[in-house]
Amino acid sequence: GADGTIPLPPYVDVAREARNEFRLRYAVHTKMVTEEFARAAAAVGTELLMTDLVGDDESLRTVYHLRSCGIEDVRKSLDLAEAHGLRLAPHIMIGIAWGKVVGERVALDMLRGRNVAALSLVVLTPLRLTPMAGVKIDLPAVLEFLSEARQAFPDIRMTLGCAKTGGKTQRVLEEHALKLGFDAIAYPSEGIVDLARSLGYQVRLSESCCAFADLAL
């Protein structure tokens, strides 16, 4: 919606019934959180709330098209989620500012002092036939940010999520994440599982969202 939330509130009753009948587990992904949305997410039994953390006003307004939002609204979203007892599993999209690392450190700083169940780091993937087709990712800056995030939050479960460029660059990102001690990698490249084992990881493959895997829920 225009406020950055997904339209969950009208479906609270049916979502709750489906969860009970089919023993579903809900991880809900939204950009922003409002009071109404937070109440709905709590009511349906959301186990993990995934929010997009953006630390740059310009990216919110020109990339996410949330023209009336700023980074204070992102902070407020986290506050509302915590106030309603929702477990946070935020996502930081590295390179969202047209391939450059701009507000990612601000986004990371928003998490200090919060009860974060998991943190997913993803990387901008420029797609053909979109305004970002041909955008070049600042790979050294991305790798540096991965290191900073792991150092800043050594005890938070950290994952390299679904979006991560593809090709040779993806392989570099995944190898770096393994060496930093990341806890999960979504859709790993060929050979990454063997590399993880060689580095001493105990590997477990999961069909669930990477934010769910291995969490005590």
N, C-alpha and C. Protein backbone atom coordinates (compact mmCIF):
# COMPACT_ATOMS: atom_id res chain seq x y z
N GLY A 1 0.81 -1.19 0.00
CA GLY A 1 0.00 0.00 0.00
C GLY A 1 0.85 1.25 0.00
N ALA A 2 0.20 2.40 -0.07
CA ALA A 2 0.91 3.68 -0.09
C ALA A 2 1.67 3.94 1.19
N ASP A 3 1.26 3.27 2.29
CA ASP A 3 1.95 3.46 3.56
C ASP A 3 3.09 2.46 3.75
N GLY A 4 3.36 1.63 2.75
CA GLY A 4 4.47 0.69 2.82
C GLY A 4 4.15 -0.63 3.49
N THR A 5 2.89 -0.87 3.82
CA THR A 5 2.51 -2.14 4.44
C THR A 5 1.84 -3.05 3.43
N ILE A 6 1.85 -4.35 3.71
CA ILE A 6 1.08 -5.28 2.90
C ILE A 6 -0.34 -5.34 3.47
N PRO A 7 -1.34 -5.68 2.65
CA PRO A 7 -2.74 -5.61 3.10
C PRO A 7 -3.15 -6.80 3.96
N LEU A 8 -2.56 -6.91 5.13
CA LEU A 8 -2.85 -8.02 6.03
C LEU A 8 -4.13 -7.84 6.86
N PRO A 9 -4.42 -6.64 7.36
CA PRO A 9 -5.57 -6.50 8.28
C PRO A 9 -6.90 -7.07 7.79
N PRO A 10 -7.29 -6.94 6.50
CA PRO A 10 -8.58 -7.51 6.09
C PRO A 10 -8.63 -9.04 6.13
N TYR A 11 -7.48 -9.69 6.25
CA TYR A 11 -7.42 -11.15 6.15
C TYR A 11 -7.05 -11.81 7.48
N VAL A 12 -7.17 -11.08 8.57
CA VAL A 12 -6.76 -11.63 9.87
C VAL A 12 -7.52 -12.91 10.19
N ASP A 13 -8.84 -12.89 10.06
CA ASP A 13 -9.63 -14.07 10.45
C ASP A 13 -9.28 -15.29 9.61
N VAL A 14 -9.22 -15.13 8.29
CA VAL A 14 -8.95 -16.29 7.43
C VAL A 14 -7.51 -16.76 7.62
N ALA A 15 -6.58 -15.85 7.83
CA ALA A 15 -5.19 -16.25 8.04
C ALA A 15 -5.04 -17.01 9.36
N ARG A 16 -5.76 -16.58 10.37
CA ARG A 16 -5.70 -17.27 11.66
C ARG A 16 -6.31 -18.66 11.55
N GLU A 17 -7.43 -18.77 10.85
CA GLU A 17 -8.07 -20.07 10.67
C GLU A 17 -7.17 -21.02 9.88
N ALA A 18 -6.54 -20.50 8.82
CA ALA A 18 -5.65 -21.34 8.00
C ALA A 18 -4.46 -21.82 8.83
N ARG A 19 -3.93 -20.95 9.66
CA ARG A 19 -2.79 -21.34 10.50
C ARG A 19 -3.18 -22.48 11.44
N ASN A 20 -4.34 -22.35 12.05
CA ASN A 20 -4.79 -23.37 12.99
C ASN A 20 -5.12 -24.68 12.31
N GLU A 21 -5.77 -24.60 11.14
CA GLU A 21 -6.21 -25.81 10.46
C GLU A 21 -5.04 -26.57 9.83
N PHE A 22 -4.10 -25.84 9.25
CA PHE A 22 -3.02 -26.48 8.51
C PHE A 22 -1.67 -26.42 9.23
N ARG A 23 -1.68 -25.91 10.45
CA ARG A 23 -0.46 -25.80 11.26
C ARG A 23 0.63 -25.02 10.52
N LEU A 24 0.22 -23.89 9.99
CA LEU A 24 1.15 -23.05 9.25
C LEU A 24 2.01 -22.22 10.20
N ARG A 25 3.16 -21.81 9.71
CA ARG A 25 4.02 -20.86 10.42
C ARG A 25 4.12 -19.61 9.55
N TYR A 26 3.93 -18.46 10.15
CA TYR A 26 3.90 -17.23 9.39
C TYR A 26 5.14 -16.38 9.63
N ALA A 27 5.84 -16.09 8.55
CA ALA A 27 6.86 -15.04 8.53
C ALA A 27 6.33 -13.98 7.56
N VAL A 28 6.08 -12.80 8.05
CA VAL A 28 5.43 -11.76 7.26
C VAL A 28 6.47 -10.71 6.87
N HIS A 29 6.51 -10.37 5.58
CA HIS A 29 7.49 -9.41 5.07
C HIS A 29 6.79 -8.15 4.61
N THR A 30 7.17 -7.03 5.20
CA THR A 30 6.58 -5.75 4.85
C THR A 30 7.69 -4.70 4.79
N LYS A 31 7.39 -3.57 4.17
CA LYS A 31 8.36 -2.48 4.20
C LYS A 31 8.23 -1.69 5.49
N MET A 32 7.01 -1.24 5.79
CA MET A 32 6.77 -0.42 6.96
C MET A 32 5.77 -1.12 7.89
N VAL A 33 5.69 -0.62 9.12
CA VAL A 33 4.74 -1.14 10.10
C VAL A 33 3.94 0.03 10.65
N THR A 34 2.61 -0.10 10.61
CA THR A 34 1.72 0.86 11.24
C THR A 34 1.08 0.18 12.45
N GLU A 35 0.38 0.96 13.27
CA GLU A 35 -0.30 0.39 14.42
C GLU A 35 -1.29 -0.68 13.99
N GLU A 36 -2.08 -0.39 12.95
CA GLU A 36 -3.07 -1.36 12.46
C GLU A 36 -2.40 -2.63 11.95
N PHE A 37 -1.32 -2.45 11.22
CA PHE A 37 -0.62 -3.62 10.68
C PHE A 37 -0.02 -4.45 11.80
N ALA A 38 0.60 -3.80 12.79
CA ALA A 38 1.22 -4.53 13.90
C ALA A 38 0.18 -5.35 14.66
N ARG A 39 -0.99 -4.77 14.90
CA ARG A 39 -2.06 -5.51 15.58
C ARG A 39 -2.47 -6.73 14.77
N ALA A 40 -2.58 -6.56 13.44
CA ALA A 40 -2.99 -7.67 12.58
C ALA A 40 -1.93 -8.77 12.57
N ALA A 41 -0.67 -8.38 12.46
CA ALA A 41 0.42 -9.36 12.42
C ALA A 41 0.47 -10.17 13.71
N ALA A 42 0.26 -9.50 14.84
CA ALA A 42 0.24 -10.21 16.12
C ALA A 42 -0.98 -11.13 16.21
N ALA A 43 -2.11 -10.67 15.69
CA ALA A 43 -3.36 -11.44 15.79
C ALA A 43 -3.31 -12.73 14.99
N VAL A 44 -2.60 -12.76 13.87
CA VAL A 44 -2.55 -13.98 13.06
C VAL A 44 -1.48 -14.95 13.55
N GLY A 45 -0.72 -14.55 14.56
CA GLY A 45 0.31 -15.43 15.10
C GLY A 45 1.62 -15.39 14.33
N THR A 46 1.98 -14.22 13.83
CA THR A 46 3.24 -14.08 13.09
C THR A 46 4.42 -14.46 13.97
N GLU A 47 5.25 -15.37 13.51
CA GLU A 47 6.40 -15.81 14.28
C GLU A 47 7.62 -14.94 14.03
N LEU A 48 7.77 -14.46 12.81
CA LEU A 48 8.86 -13.56 12.47
C LEU A 48 8.32 -12.44 11.60
N LEU A 49 8.69 -11.22 11.94
CA LEU A 49 8.31 -10.07 11.13
C LEU A 49 9.55 -9.57 10.39
N MET A 50 9.50 -9.70 9.08
CA MET A 50 10.60 -9.24 8.24
C MET A 50 10.27 -7.85 7.71
N THR A 51 11.09 -6.87 8.04
CA THR A 51 10.91 -5.52 7.56
C THR A 51 12.12 -5.11 6.73
N ASP A 52 11.89 -4.23 5.76
CA ASP A 52 13.00 -3.70 4.96
C ASP A 52 13.57 -2.49 5.70
N LEU A 53 14.84 -2.59 6.08
CA LEU A 53 15.50 -1.47 6.76
C LEU A 53 16.23 -0.62 5.73
N VAL A 54 15.80 0.61 5.60
CA VAL A 54 16.42 1.55 4.67
C VAL A 54 16.87 2.76 5.47
N GLY A 55 18.13 3.10 5.37
CA GLY A 55 18.66 4.21 6.15
C GLY A 55 18.92 5.45 5.34
N ASP A 56 18.20 5.61 4.24
CA ASP A 56 18.44 6.72 3.32
C ASP A 56 17.10 7.24 2.82
N ASP A 57 16.77 8.49 3.14
CA ASP A 57 15.48 9.07 2.73
C ASP A 57 15.28 9.03 1.23
N GLU A 58 16.34 9.33 0.47
CA GLU A 58 16.21 9.40 -0.98
C GLU A 58 15.83 8.03 -1.56
N SER A 59 16.42 6.96 -1.02
CA SER A 59 16.09 5.62 -1.52
C SER A 59 14.65 5.26 -1.20
N LEU A 60 14.18 5.64 -0.02
CA LEU A 60 12.79 5.38 0.33
C LEU A 60 11.84 6.03 -0.66
N ARG A 61 12.18 7.23 -1.07
CA ARG A 61 11.25 8.01 -1.88
C ARG A 61 11.36 7.73 -3.37
N THR A 62 12.57 7.40 -3.85
CA THR A 62 12.74 7.23 -5.29
C THR A 62 12.85 5.78 -5.73
N VAL A 63 13.27 4.88 -4.82
CA VAL A 63 13.36 3.46 -5.17
C VAL A 63 12.14 2.70 -4.67
N TYR A 64 11.81 2.91 -3.40
CA TYR A 64 10.64 2.25 -2.82
C TYR A 64 9.34 2.99 -3.12
N HIS A 65 9.44 4.21 -3.61
CA HIS A 65 8.28 5.03 -3.97
C HIS A 65 7.38 5.33 -2.76
N LEU A 66 7.99 5.41 -1.58
CA LEU A 66 7.28 5.82 -0.37
C LEU A 66 7.58 7.30 -0.16
N ARG A 67 6.89 8.13 -0.92
CA ARG A 67 7.27 9.54 -1.03
C ARG A 67 7.01 10.34 0.24
N SER A 68 6.15 9.83 1.11
CA SER A 68 5.86 10.56 2.34
C SER A 68 6.60 9.98 3.54
N CYS A 69 7.51 9.04 3.30
CA CYS A 69 8.21 8.35 4.39
C CYS A 69 9.67 8.78 4.46
N GLY A 70 10.22 8.69 5.68
CA GLY A 70 11.64 8.94 5.90
C GLY A 70 12.18 7.90 6.85
N ILE A 71 13.46 8.02 7.18
CA ILE A 71 14.06 6.98 8.01
C ILE A 71 13.49 6.99 9.43
N GLU A 72 12.91 8.11 9.87
CA GLU A 72 12.26 8.11 11.18
C GLU A 72 11.05 7.18 11.18
N ASP A 73 10.40 7.05 10.03
CA ASP A 73 9.28 6.11 9.92
C ASP A 73 9.78 4.66 9.99
N VAL A 74 10.99 4.42 9.50
CA VAL A 74 11.57 3.08 9.61
C VAL A 74 11.82 2.75 11.07
N ARG A 75 12.38 3.70 11.81
CA ARG A 75 12.60 3.49 13.24
C ARG A 75 11.27 3.27 13.97
N LYS A 76 10.28 4.05 13.62
CA LYS A 76 8.96 3.91 14.25
C LYS A 76 8.37 2.53 13.95
N SER A 77 8.61 2.01 12.76
CA SER A 77 8.12 0.68 12.40
C SER A 77 8.70 -0.38 13.33
N LEU A 78 9.99 -0.27 13.60
CA LEU A 78 10.63 -1.22 14.52
C LEU A 78 10.06 -1.08 15.93
N ASP A 79 9.83 0.17 16.35
CA ASP A 79 9.26 0.40 17.68
C ASP A 79 7.88 -0.23 17.80
N LEU A 80 7.05 -0.05 16.79
CA LEU A 80 5.69 -0.61 16.82
C LEU A 80 5.72 -2.13 16.83
N ALA A 81 6.60 -2.71 16.03
CA ALA A 81 6.70 -4.17 16.00
C ALA A 81 7.08 -4.71 17.38
N GLU A 82 8.05 -4.10 18.00
CA GLU A 82 8.48 -4.56 19.33
C GLU A 82 7.38 -4.35 20.36
N ALA A 83 6.67 -3.24 20.26
CA ALA A 83 5.60 -2.95 21.22
C ALA A 83 4.50 -3.99 21.17
N HIS A 84 4.32 -4.63 20.01
CA HIS A 84 3.29 -5.66 19.85
C HIS A 84 3.86 -7.06 19.98
N GLY A 85 5.08 -7.17 20.47
CA GLY A 85 5.67 -8.48 20.75
C GLY A 85 6.07 -9.26 19.53
N LEU A 86 6.30 -8.60 18.41
CA LEU A 86 6.67 -9.29 17.17
C LEU A 86 8.18 -9.47 17.11
N ARG A 87 8.61 -10.69 16.78
CA ARG A 87 10.05 -10.97 16.69
C ARG A 87 10.58 -10.44 15.37
N LEU A 88 11.65 -9.68 15.46
CA LEU A 88 12.19 -8.99 14.29
C LEU A 88 13.17 -9.86 13.52
N ALA A 89 12.99 -9.89 12.21
CA ALA A 89 13.95 -10.53 11.29
C ALA A 89 14.15 -9.58 10.11
N PRO A 90 14.79 -8.44 10.35
CA PRO A 90 14.88 -7.40 9.32
C PRO A 90 15.77 -7.81 8.14
N HIS A 91 15.54 -7.11 7.03
CA HIS A 91 16.36 -7.26 5.83
C HIS A 91 17.01 -5.91 5.51
N ILE A 92 18.28 -5.93 5.19
CA ILE A 92 18.95 -4.74 4.68
C ILE A 92 19.37 -5.03 3.25
N MET A 93 18.84 -4.23 2.32
CA MET A 93 19.20 -4.37 0.91
C MET A 93 20.44 -3.52 0.64
N ILE A 94 21.59 -4.18 0.47
CA ILE A 94 22.84 -3.47 0.25
C ILE A 94 22.91 -3.02 -1.21
N GLY A 95 23.21 -1.74 -1.40
CA GLY A 95 23.32 -1.21 -2.76
C GLY A 95 22.01 -0.69 -3.32
N ILE A 96 21.00 -0.51 -2.46
CA ILE A 96 19.70 -0.06 -2.95
C ILE A 96 19.79 1.32 -3.59
N ALA A 97 20.79 2.12 -3.19
CA ALA A 97 20.96 3.47 -3.76
C ALA A 97 21.73 3.38 -5.08
N TRP A 98 21.11 2.71 -6.05
CA TRP A 98 21.67 2.59 -7.39
C TRP A 98 23.06 1.97 -7.37
N GLY A 99 23.21 0.91 -6.55
CA GLY A 99 24.43 0.13 -6.51
C GLY A 99 25.44 0.58 -5.49
N LYS A 100 25.22 1.73 -4.87
CA LYS A 100 26.19 2.27 -3.93
C LYS A 100 25.74 2.02 -2.48
N VAL A 101 26.69 1.91 -1.59
CA VAL A 101 26.41 1.76 -0.16
C VAL A 101 26.28 3.16 0.43
N VAL A 102 25.05 3.54 0.80
CA VAL A 102 24.77 4.91 1.25
C VAL A 102 24.20 4.92 2.66
N GLY A 103 23.02 4.29 2.85
CA GLY A 103 22.36 4.36 4.14
C GLY A 103 22.39 3.07 4.93
N GLU A 104 23.17 2.10 4.45
CA GLU A 104 23.16 0.79 5.09
C GLU A 104 23.67 0.84 6.54
N ARG A 105 24.66 1.67 6.81
CA ARG A 105 25.20 1.75 8.18
C ARG A 105 24.19 2.40 9.11
N VAL A 106 23.43 3.35 8.60
CA VAL A 106 22.35 3.95 9.40
C VAL A 106 21.31 2.89 9.72
N ALA A 107 20.96 2.08 8.72
CA ALA A 107 19.99 1.01 8.93
C ALA A 107 20.49 0.02 9.98
N LEU A 108 21.75 -0.35 9.89
CA LEU A 108 22.33 -1.29 10.85
C LEU A 108 22.28 -0.71 12.26
N ASP A 109 22.55 0.57 12.38
CA ASP A 109 22.57 1.21 13.70
C ASP A 109 21.18 1.23 14.33
N MET A 110 20.12 1.19 13.50
CA MET A 110 18.76 1.17 14.04
C MET A 110 18.49 -0.06 14.89
N LEU A 111 19.28 -1.11 14.71
CA LEU A 111 19.02 -2.38 15.39
C LEU A 111 19.69 -2.46 16.75
N ARG A 112 20.56 -1.53 17.05
CA ARG A 112 21.28 -1.59 18.33
C ARG A 112 20.30 -1.50 19.50
N GLY A 113 20.46 -2.44 20.43
CA GLY A 113 19.60 -2.46 21.61
C GLY A 113 18.26 -3.12 21.40
N ARG A 114 18.00 -3.65 20.21
CA ARG A 114 16.72 -4.31 19.94
C ARG A 114 16.87 -5.82 20.03
N ASN A 115 15.74 -6.48 20.24
CA ASN A 115 15.72 -7.94 20.30
C ASN A 115 15.50 -8.49 18.89
N VAL A 116 16.59 -8.75 18.19
CA VAL A 116 16.52 -9.19 16.80
C VAL A 116 16.74 -10.70 16.73
N ALA A 117 15.78 -11.41 16.17
CA ALA A 117 15.89 -12.87 16.06
C ALA A 117 16.85 -13.27 14.95
N ALA A 118 16.84 -12.53 13.86
CA ALA A 118 17.71 -12.84 12.73
C ALA A 118 17.84 -11.60 11.87
N LEU A 119 18.96 -11.49 11.18
CA LEU A 119 19.19 -10.37 10.27
C LEU A 119 19.58 -10.94 8.91
N SER A 120 18.82 -10.57 7.89
CA SER A 120 19.12 -11.02 6.53
C SER A 120 19.73 -9.86 5.74
N LEU A 121 20.87 -10.12 5.14
CA LEU A 121 21.49 -9.14 4.27
C LEU A 121 21.32 -9.61 2.83
N VAL A 122 20.80 -8.75 2.00
CA VAL A 122 20.60 -9.06 0.59
C VAL A 122 21.29 -7.97 -0.23
N VAL A 123 21.51 -8.25 -1.50
CA VAL A 123 22.27 -7.34 -2.35
C VAL A 123 21.43 -7.00 -3.58
N LEU A 124 21.42 -5.73 -3.94
CA LEU A 124 20.67 -5.29 -5.11
C LEU A 124 21.01 -6.14 -6.33
N THR A 125 19.99 -6.59 -7.02
CA THR A 125 20.16 -7.38 -8.23
C THR A 125 19.53 -6.61 -9.40
N PRO A 126 20.31 -5.86 -10.16
CA PRO A 126 19.75 -5.10 -11.28
C PRO A 126 19.09 -6.03 -12.30
N LEU A 127 17.88 -5.73 -12.67
CA LEU A 127 17.12 -6.57 -13.59
C LEU A 127 16.93 -5.88 -14.93
N ARG A 128 16.95 -6.68 -15.99
CA ARG A 128 16.67 -6.16 -17.32
C ARG A 128 15.28 -5.56 -17.37
N LEU A 129 15.14 -4.55 -18.23
CA LEU A 129 13.85 -3.90 -18.47
C LEU A 129 13.31 -3.19 -17.24
N THR A 130 14.19 -2.80 -16.35
CA THR A 130 13.82 -1.98 -15.19
C THR A 130 14.72 -0.74 -15.21
N PRO A 131 14.34 0.30 -14.43
CA PRO A 131 15.19 1.51 -14.40
C PRO A 131 16.61 1.24 -13.91
N MET A 132 16.83 0.14 -13.19
CA MET A 132 18.17 -0.15 -12.68
C MET A 132 18.95 -1.14 -13.56
N ALA A 133 18.41 -1.46 -14.71
CA ALA A 133 19.16 -2.33 -15.62
C ALA A 133 20.51 -1.68 -15.93
N GLY A 134 21.57 -2.45 -15.78
CA GLY A 134 22.89 -1.93 -16.07
C GLY A 134 23.60 -1.26 -14.91
N VAL A 135 22.91 -1.13 -13.78
CA VAL A 135 23.55 -0.55 -12.59
C VAL A 135 24.69 -1.47 -12.12
N LYS A 136 25.82 -0.89 -11.80
CA LYS A 136 26.97 -1.66 -11.34
C LYS A 136 27.03 -1.64 -9.81
N ILE A 137 27.19 -2.81 -9.23
CA ILE A 137 27.29 -2.94 -7.78
C ILE A 137 28.72 -2.61 -7.34
N ASP A 138 28.84 -1.81 -6.29
CA ASP A 138 30.16 -1.51 -5.71
C ASP A 138 30.54 -2.69 -4.82
N LEU A 139 31.11 -3.74 -5.44
CA LEU A 139 31.37 -4.99 -4.73
C LEU A 139 32.29 -4.82 -3.52
N PRO A 140 33.41 -4.09 -3.63
CA PRO A 140 34.26 -3.92 -2.43
C PRO A 140 33.50 -3.29 -1.26
N ALA A 141 32.64 -2.33 -1.55
CA ALA A 141 31.86 -1.69 -0.49
C ALA A 141 30.86 -2.66 0.10
N VAL A 142 30.27 -3.52 -0.73
CA VAL A 142 29.33 -4.52 -0.24
C VAL A 142 30.03 -5.51 0.69
N LEU A 143 31.19 -5.99 0.26
CA LEU A 143 31.94 -6.95 1.08
C LEU A 143 32.37 -6.31 2.40
N GLU A 144 32.74 -5.05 2.37
CA GLU A 144 33.12 -4.35 3.60
C GLU A 144 31.93 -4.25 4.54
N PHE A 145 30.75 -3.97 3.97
CA PHE A 145 29.56 -3.86 4.83
C PHE A 145 29.19 -5.21 5.46
N LEU A 146 29.33 -6.29 4.71
CA LEU A 146 29.08 -7.61 5.28
C LEU A 146 29.97 -7.83 6.50
N SER A 147 31.21 -7.45 6.38
CA SER A 147 32.15 -7.60 7.50
C SER A 147 31.74 -6.73 8.68
N GLU A 148 31.36 -5.50 8.41
CA GLU A 148 30.95 -4.59 9.48
C GLU A 148 29.71 -5.09 10.20
N ALA A 149 28.76 -5.63 9.44
CA ALA A 149 27.53 -6.13 10.04
C ALA A 149 27.81 -7.31 10.96
N ARG A 150 28.65 -8.24 10.50
CA ARG A 150 28.98 -9.41 11.33
C ARG A 150 29.73 -8.97 12.59
N GLN A 151 30.62 -8.00 12.45
CA GLN A 151 31.38 -7.52 13.60
C GLN A 151 30.48 -6.77 14.59
N ALA A 152 29.53 -6.01 14.05
CA ALA A 152 28.64 -5.22 14.91
C ALA A 152 27.68 -6.10 15.69
N PHE A 153 27.26 -7.22 15.09
CA PHE A 153 26.29 -8.11 15.73
C PHE A 153 26.78 -9.56 15.66
N PRO A 154 27.81 -9.88 16.42
CA PRO A 154 28.38 -11.23 16.33
C PRO A 154 27.47 -12.33 16.86
N ASP A 155 26.48 -11.97 17.68
CA ASP A 155 25.63 -12.98 18.31
C ASP A 155 24.26 -13.11 17.65
N ILE A 156 23.96 -12.25 16.69
CA ILE A 156 22.68 -12.34 15.97
C ILE A 156 22.80 -13.33 14.83
N ARG A 157 21.77 -14.15 14.66
CA ARG A 157 21.77 -15.08 13.53
C ARG A 157 21.72 -14.27 12.24
N MET A 158 22.73 -14.40 11.40
CA MET A 158 22.87 -13.57 10.21
C MET A 158 22.85 -14.44 8.97
N THR A 159 22.06 -14.03 7.99
CA THR A 159 21.92 -14.81 6.77
C THR A 159 22.21 -13.95 5.54
N LEU A 160 22.73 -14.60 4.52
CA LEU A 160 22.82 -13.98 3.20
C LEU A 160 21.58 -14.45 2.46
N GLY A 161 20.68 -13.51 2.21
CA GLY A 161 19.34 -13.87 1.75
C GLY A 161 19.23 -14.15 0.26
N CYS A 162 17.99 -14.13 -0.23
CA CYS A 162 17.69 -14.61 -1.58
C CYS A 162 18.30 -13.74 -2.67
N ALA A 163 18.19 -12.43 -2.54
CA ALA A 163 18.66 -11.53 -3.59
C ALA A 163 20.15 -11.29 -3.41
N LYS A 164 20.95 -11.68 -4.41
CA LYS A 164 22.40 -11.48 -4.29
C LYS A 164 23.11 -11.59 -5.64
N THR A 165 22.61 -10.94 -6.62
CA THR A 165 23.26 -10.63 -7.91
C THR A 165 23.38 -11.78 -8.90
N GLY A 166 23.70 -12.99 -8.46
CA GLY A 166 23.91 -14.08 -9.41
C GLY A 166 25.32 -14.06 -9.99
N GLY A 167 25.68 -15.17 -10.66
CA GLY A 167 26.95 -15.25 -11.36
C GLY A 167 28.17 -15.25 -10.45
N LYS A 168 29.30 -14.79 -11.01
CA LYS A 168 30.56 -14.83 -10.28
C LYS A 168 30.53 -13.93 -9.04
N THR A 169 29.83 -12.81 -9.14
CA THR A 169 29.74 -11.91 -7.99
C THR A 169 29.04 -12.59 -6.83
N GLN A 170 27.99 -13.34 -7.11
CA GLN A 170 27.29 -14.06 -6.05
C GLN A 170 28.23 -15.03 -5.35
N ARG A 171 29.04 -15.72 -6.11
CA ARG A 171 29.99 -16.68 -5.53
C ARG A 171 30.95 -15.96 -4.57
N VAL A 172 31.43 -14.79 -4.97
CA VAL A 172 32.32 -14.01 -4.10
C VAL A 172 31.61 -13.62 -2.82
N LEU A 173 30.37 -13.18 -2.93
CA LEU A 173 29.59 -12.80 -1.75
C LEU A 173 29.41 -13.98 -0.80
N GLU A 174 29.09 -15.14 -1.35
CA GLU A 174 28.83 -16.31 -0.53
C GLU A 174 30.10 -16.79 0.17
N GLU A 175 31.21 -16.79 -0.55
CA GLU A 175 32.47 -17.20 0.06
C GLU A 175 32.84 -16.26 1.20
N HIS A 176 32.62 -14.97 0.99
CA HIS A 176 32.93 -13.97 2.02
C HIS A 176 32.03 -14.19 3.25
N ALA A 177 30.76 -14.45 3.00
CA ALA A 177 29.82 -14.67 4.11
C ALA A 177 30.23 -15.89 4.93
N LEU A 178 30.65 -16.95 4.28
CA LEU A 178 31.10 -18.14 5.00
C LEU A 178 32.31 -17.84 5.86
N LYS A 179 33.25 -17.10 5.31
CA LYS A 179 34.47 -16.80 6.07
C LYS A 179 34.18 -15.88 7.25
N LEU A 180 33.09 -15.12 7.16
CA LEU A 180 32.69 -14.23 8.26
C LEU A 180 31.87 -14.96 9.33
N GLY A 181 31.49 -16.20 9.04
CA GLY A 181 30.69 -16.94 10.01
C GLY A 181 29.20 -16.72 9.91
N PHE A 182 28.70 -16.38 8.74
CA PHE A 182 27.26 -16.26 8.55
C PHE A 182 26.60 -17.60 8.85
N ASP A 183 25.34 -17.57 9.28
CA ASP A 183 24.66 -18.77 9.74
C ASP A 183 23.85 -19.48 8.66
N ALA A 184 23.50 -18.78 7.59
CA ALA A 184 22.72 -19.41 6.52
C ALA A 184 22.92 -18.64 5.22
N ILE A 185 22.77 -19.37 4.12
CA ILE A 185 22.83 -18.77 2.79
C ILE A 185 21.65 -19.32 1.99
N ALA A 186 20.84 -18.43 1.47
CA ALA A 186 19.70 -18.85 0.65
C ALA A 186 20.16 -19.16 -0.77
N TYR A 187 19.67 -20.24 -1.32
CA TYR A 187 19.99 -20.63 -2.71
C TYR A 187 21.49 -20.51 -3.01
N PRO A 188 22.32 -21.29 -2.33
CA PRO A 188 23.77 -21.17 -2.52
C PRO A 188 24.20 -21.61 -3.92
N SER A 189 25.29 -21.04 -4.38
CA SER A 189 25.86 -21.40 -5.68
C SER A 189 26.43 -22.82 -5.61
N GLU A 190 26.66 -23.38 -6.79
CA GLU A 190 27.25 -24.71 -6.85
C GLU A 190 28.63 -24.70 -6.18
N GLY A 191 28.87 -25.66 -5.30
CA GLY A 191 30.15 -25.77 -4.63
C GLY A 191 30.22 -25.08 -3.29
N ILE A 192 29.25 -24.22 -2.97
CA ILE A 192 29.28 -23.49 -1.70
C ILE A 192 29.03 -24.41 -0.52
N VAL A 193 28.17 -25.40 -0.69
CA VAL A 193 27.90 -26.34 0.41
C VAL A 193 29.18 -27.12 0.74
N ASP A 194 29.88 -27.58 -0.29
CA ASP A 194 31.15 -28.29 -0.05
C ASP A 194 32.18 -27.38 0.61
N LEU A 195 32.21 -26.13 0.19
CA LEU A 195 33.13 -25.18 0.80
C LEU A 195 32.80 -24.98 2.27
N ALA A 196 31.51 -24.88 2.57
CA ALA A 196 31.09 -24.71 3.96
C ALA A 196 31.56 -25.88 4.82
N ARG A 197 31.39 -27.08 4.30
CA ARG A 197 31.84 -28.26 5.06
C ARG A 197 33.35 -28.23 5.28
N SER A 198 34.09 -27.79 4.25
CA SER A 198 35.54 -27.75 4.37
C SER A 198 36.00 -26.71 5.38
N LEU A 199 35.16 -25.72 5.65
CA LEU A 199 35.47 -24.69 6.63
C LEU A 199 35.01 -25.06 8.03
N GLY A 200 34.43 -26.24 8.17
CA GLY A 200 34.04 -26.71 9.48
C GLY A 200 32.58 -26.49 9.82
N TYR A 201 31.78 -26.04 8.88
CA TYR A 201 30.36 -25.87 9.13
C TYR A 201 29.67 -27.23 9.22
N GLN A 202 28.69 -27.33 10.10
CA GLN A 202 27.75 -28.44 10.07
C GLN A 202 26.58 -28.01 9.19
N VAL A 203 26.46 -28.62 8.04
CA VAL A 203 25.51 -28.16 7.03
C VAL A 203 24.16 -28.85 7.19
N ARG A 204 23.12 -28.03 7.19
CA ARG A 204 21.76 -28.57 7.16
C ARG A 204 20.97 -27.83 6.09
N LEU A 205 20.39 -28.59 5.17
CA LEU A 205 19.58 -28.00 4.11
C LEU A 205 18.14 -27.87 4.59
N SER A 206 17.53 -26.75 4.30
CA SER A 206 16.17 -26.49 4.79
C SER A 206 15.32 -25.94 3.65
N GLU A 207 14.07 -26.37 3.60
CA GLU A 207 13.15 -25.86 2.58
C GLU A 207 12.41 -24.63 3.06
N SER A 208 12.72 -24.16 4.24
CA SER A 208 12.01 -23.00 4.79
C SER A 208 12.71 -21.71 4.41
N CYS A 209 12.07 -20.60 4.72
CA CYS A 209 12.69 -19.29 4.59
C CYS A 209 13.97 -19.28 5.41
N CYS A 210 15.03 -18.63 4.89
CA CYS A 210 16.31 -18.66 5.58
C CYS A 210 16.23 -18.01 6.96
N ALA A 211 15.29 -17.11 7.18
CA ALA A 211 15.14 -16.48 8.48
C ALA A 211 14.60 -17.46 9.52
N PHE A 212 13.88 -18.48 9.06
CA PHE A 212 13.29 -19.48 9.98
C PHE A 212 14.30 -20.52 10.44
N ALA A 213 15.18 -20.96 9.54
CA ALA A 213 16.00 -22.14 9.78
C ALA A 213 16.79 -22.03 11.08
N ASP A 214 16.72 -23.09 11.89
CA ASP A 214 17.50 -23.25 13.12
C ASP A 214 17.08 -22.33 14.26
N LEU A 215 16.02 -21.53 14.07
CA LEU A 215 15.58 -20.68 15.16
C LEU A 215 14.69 -21.46 16.11
N ALA A 216 14.82 -21.20 17.39
CA ALA A 216 13.94 -21.82 18.39
C ALA A 216 12.64 -21.04 18.42
N LEU A 217 11.63 -21.57 17.79
CA LEU A 217 10.33 -20.89 17.69
C LEU A 217 9.24 -21.70 18.38
